[in-house]
Protein backbone atom coordinates (compact mmCIF):
# COMPACT_ATOMS: atom_id res chain seq x y z
CA MET A 1 20.12 10.02 -1.15
CA GLU A 2 17.88 7.52 0.58
CA PRO A 3 15.40 8.78 3.17
CA ASP A 4 16.29 8.28 6.83
CA PRO A 5 14.41 5.16 8.04
CA ARG A 6 13.92 6.74 11.48
CA GLN A 7 11.51 9.15 9.79
CA PHE A 8 9.17 6.28 8.83
CA VAL A 9 8.05 4.81 12.13
CA GLY A 10 5.29 7.22 13.20
CA LYS A 11 1.53 7.03 13.18
CA CYS A 12 -1.31 9.23 11.98
CA ASP A 13 -5.09 8.99 11.76
CA VAL A 14 -4.82 6.68 8.74
CA ILE A 15 -1.67 4.73 9.67
CA ASP A 16 -3.10 3.95 13.10
CA THR A 17 -0.43 1.61 14.44
CA ASP A 18 -1.82 1.98 17.96
CA ALA A 19 -5.25 0.58 17.08
CA VAL A 20 -5.78 -2.59 19.12
CA ASN A 21 -6.56 -4.81 16.13
CA VAL A 22 -3.49 -3.55 14.21
CA ALA A 23 -1.14 -4.01 17.18
CA ASP A 24 -2.53 -7.50 17.89
CA GLN A 25 -2.21 -8.60 14.25
CA ALA A 26 1.33 -7.23 14.05
CA LYS A 27 2.31 -9.31 17.10
CA ARG A 28 1.02 -12.44 15.36
CA LEU A 29 3.19 -11.72 12.30
CA VAL A 30 6.47 -10.95 14.07
CA CYS A 31 9.27 -13.42 13.43
CA ASP A 32 12.96 -13.77 14.33
CA SER A 33 14.16 -11.49 11.53
CA ASP A 34 12.90 -8.20 10.15
CA GLU A 35 12.98 -9.65 6.64
CA GLN A 36 10.75 -12.60 7.59
CA THR A 37 8.44 -10.31 9.57
CA ALA A 38 8.16 -8.01 6.55
CA ARG A 39 7.38 -11.00 4.33
CA ASN A 40 4.72 -12.18 6.80
CA CYS A 41 3.09 -8.73 6.88
CA PHE A 42 3.23 -8.42 3.07
CA GLU A 43 1.73 -11.86 2.44
CA PHE A 44 -0.94 -11.35 5.08
CA VAL A 45 -2.17 -8.11 3.45
CA ARG A 46 -1.75 -9.35 -0.13
CA ASP A 47 -3.53 -12.65 0.46
CA THR A 48 -6.16 -12.06 3.16
CA ILE A 49 -7.38 -8.52 2.47
CA LYS A 50 -9.61 -8.45 -0.61
CA HIS A 51 -9.10 -5.73 -3.20
CA SER A 52 -12.36 -3.76 -3.20
CA ALA A 53 -12.72 -3.47 -6.98
CA ASP A 54 -11.59 -7.03 -7.77
CA HIS A 55 -14.19 -8.40 -5.35
CA ARG A 56 -16.78 -5.59 -5.73
CA GLN A 57 -16.79 -5.28 -1.99
CA ASN A 58 -17.83 -2.60 0.49
CA PRO A 59 -17.27 -0.76 2.71
CA VAL A 60 -14.74 1.70 1.30
CA THR A 61 -11.88 1.69 3.80
CA CYS A 62 -8.95 4.04 4.38
CA ARG A 63 -7.65 3.70 7.96
CA ALA A 64 -5.43 0.68 8.56
CA SER A 65 -7.64 -0.52 11.41
CA ASP A 66 -10.77 -0.36 9.22
CA VAL A 67 -9.05 -2.27 6.40
CA LEU A 68 -8.14 -4.98 8.89
CA GLN A 69 -11.59 -5.04 10.49
CA HIS A 70 -13.50 -5.31 7.20
CA LYS A 71 -10.85 -7.35 5.32
CA THR A 72 -11.20 -5.19 2.20
CA GLY A 73 -9.63 -2.15 0.63
CA TYR A 74 -8.39 -0.53 -2.54
CA CYS A 75 -4.62 -0.70 -3.17
CA TYR A 76 -4.18 2.55 -1.23
CA ALA A 77 -6.01 1.23 1.82
CA LYS A 78 -4.12 -2.06 1.67
CA SER A 79 -0.86 -0.09 1.58
CA HIS A 80 -2.02 1.84 4.68
CA LEU A 81 -2.56 -1.44 6.53
CA LEU A 82 0.76 -2.89 5.42
CA CYS A 83 2.56 0.28 6.49
CA ALA A 84 0.85 0.18 9.90
CA LEU A 85 1.63 -3.52 10.47
CA LEU A 86 5.29 -3.02 9.56
CA ARG A 87 5.66 0.05 11.78
CA ALA A 88 3.85 -1.67 14.65
CA SER A 89 6.43 -4.46 14.26
CA GLY A 90 9.28 -1.96 14.58
CA ILE A 91 10.15 -1.95 10.87
CA PRO A 92 10.40 1.40 9.04
CA ALA A 93 7.89 1.58 6.20
CA GLY A 94 6.50 4.21 3.87
CA LEU A 95 4.07 4.71 1.03
CA CYS A 96 4.87 4.87 -2.67
CA TYR A 97 2.75 5.72 -5.67
CA GLN A 98 2.70 4.97 -9.36
CA ARG A 99 0.72 6.83 -11.98
CA LEU A 100 -0.79 4.19 -14.25
CA SER A 101 -3.00 4.10 -17.32
CA LEU A 102 -6.49 2.83 -16.52
CA ASP A 103 -6.76 0.81 -19.75
CA GLY A 104 -3.07 0.11 -20.31
CA HIS A 105 -2.91 2.20 -23.50
CA GLY A 106 -2.80 5.85 -22.38
CA PRO A 107 -5.07 8.41 -20.69
CA PRO A 108 -6.90 8.47 -18.38
CA PHE A 109 -4.46 7.78 -15.55
CA CYS A 110 -4.84 7.09 -11.84
CA LEU A 111 -2.61 6.66 -8.84
CA HIS A 112 -1.70 3.22 -7.59
CA GLY A 113 -0.61 2.74 -3.99
CA LEU A 114 2.19 0.48 -2.78
CA ASN A 115 4.86 0.45 -0.06
CA ALA A 116 8.54 0.69 0.66
CA VAL A 117 10.03 -1.18 3.59
CA TYR A 118 13.48 -0.65 5.06
CA LEU A 119 15.44 -3.89 5.32
CA SER A 120 18.89 -3.52 6.87
CA GLU A 121 20.49 -5.92 4.39
CA TYR A 122 19.09 -4.17 1.30
CA GLY A 123 17.97 -0.66 2.23
CA TRP A 124 14.61 0.58 0.93
CA TYR A 125 12.69 -2.07 -0.98
CA ARG A 126 9.33 -1.55 -2.71
CA ILE A 127 6.53 -4.10 -2.27
CA ASP A 128 3.00 -4.18 -3.63
CA ALA A 129 0.30 -5.98 -1.64
CA ARG A 130 -2.67 -4.98 -3.87
CA GLY A 131 -3.56 -8.65 -4.31
CA ASN A 132 -2.70 -11.06 -7.07
CA ARG A 133 -4.97 -12.27 -9.85
CA SER A 134 -4.42 -13.91 -13.24
CA ASP A 135 -2.66 -10.82 -14.65
CA VAL A 136 -0.93 -9.66 -11.43
CA ASP A 137 1.86 -11.51 -9.62
CA ALA A 138 3.44 -9.29 -6.95
CA GLN A 139 5.99 -11.06 -4.75
CA PHE A 140 8.39 -10.43 -1.88
CA THR A 141 11.79 -11.29 -3.40
CA PRO A 142 14.41 -8.85 -2.04
CA PRO A 143 16.48 -7.29 -3.42
CA ILE A 144 14.58 -7.81 -6.71
CA GLU A 145 11.29 -5.91 -6.97
CA LYS A 146 8.30 -7.88 -8.21
CA LEU A 147 5.54 -5.26 -8.26
CA ALA A 148 1.98 -5.65 -9.47
CA PHE A 149 2.34 -3.28 -12.42
CA PRO A 150 5.35 -2.38 -14.57
CA ILE A 151 5.62 1.09 -16.10
CA THR A 152 5.01 0.44 -19.81
CA VAL A 153 2.86 3.24 -21.25
CA ASP A 154 3.86 6.78 -22.14
CA GLY A 155 2.61 8.99 -19.30
CA GLU A 156 2.94 6.31 -16.64
CA ARG A 157 5.60 6.79 -13.98
CA ASP A 158 6.81 5.99 -10.51
CA LEU A 159 6.26 9.01 -8.31
CA ILE A 160 9.54 10.08 -6.80
CA GLY A 161 10.24 9.36 -3.18
CA ILE A 162 8.79 7.54 -0.23
CA TRP A 163 5.90 9.19 1.59
CA GLU A 164 5.75 9.18 5.37
CA PHE A 165 1.96 9.55 5.34
CA PRO A 166 -0.75 9.06 2.67
CA HIS A 167 -1.18 11.52 -0.18
CA SER A 168 -4.16 13.82 0.37
CA ALA A 169 -5.64 12.97 -3.06
CA VAL A 170 -5.90 9.36 -1.90
CA THR A 171 -7.41 9.99 1.52
CA GLU A 172 -9.87 12.56 0.15
CA CYS A 173 -11.14 10.02 -2.39
CA LEU A 174 -11.46 7.17 0.10
CA PHE A 175 -13.22 9.28 2.72
CA ARG A 176 -15.54 10.90 0.15
CA TYR A 177 -17.21 7.78 -1.24
CA ASP A 178 -19.21 5.05 0.49
CA HIS A 179 -19.43 2.53 -2.37
CA TRP A 180 -16.57 0.73 -4.08
CA SER A 181 -17.99 1.55 -7.54
CA ASP A 182 -17.95 5.29 -6.80
CA VAL A 183 -14.26 5.08 -5.93
CA ASN A 184 -13.68 3.05 -9.08
CA GLU A 185 -15.27 5.83 -11.16
CA ASN A 186 -13.26 8.56 -9.42
CA LEU A 187 -9.81 7.11 -8.80
CA PRO A 188 -7.34 9.76 -7.67
CA ASP A 189 -4.70 11.12 -10.04
CA ILE A 190 -2.06 13.81 -9.87
CA GLU A 191 -0.37 15.12 -12.97
CA ARG A 192 2.62 16.59 -11.17
CA GLU A 193 4.39 15.51 -8.04
CA GLY A 194 4.55 17.67 -4.97
């Protein structure tokens, strides 16, 4: 059973939809349809917010408003901003996680953050705004998912469900470290869901 979209419109300290910069940016991305607004929000985060590790960029961000202010964030932080922009635009959105191999062959593993958006024509649809590069091509093509990373290695998996607010393992990591390289060396992981 799909989660009730009405459950995915709230705010928290990290998904700070009421921050002035988030609300203002959301207004600039709103369009005539929810689908086009969602596409605008997705492409804005994917293409204008730099992935911290890809660009070796500080500061480490977590709150949506900080990601927007500094224009950088890990996948988790970028998903926080995308969630906040969608919710500020009146579109239900949540957080999703994958458990991925760091080297693409097996252990060690880490979490990867992405989003789900509720589109009335399709229902819940996962999108991944981590940022494209030569080996990553995430797109907004509903109803077909075009995520950054497929599940291909034994031990990798999509975590079940859509999260209303960020996983504590993610926020603890992002708030603990001040330098992008420290996060990169200590990426969060959970072996079991829950």
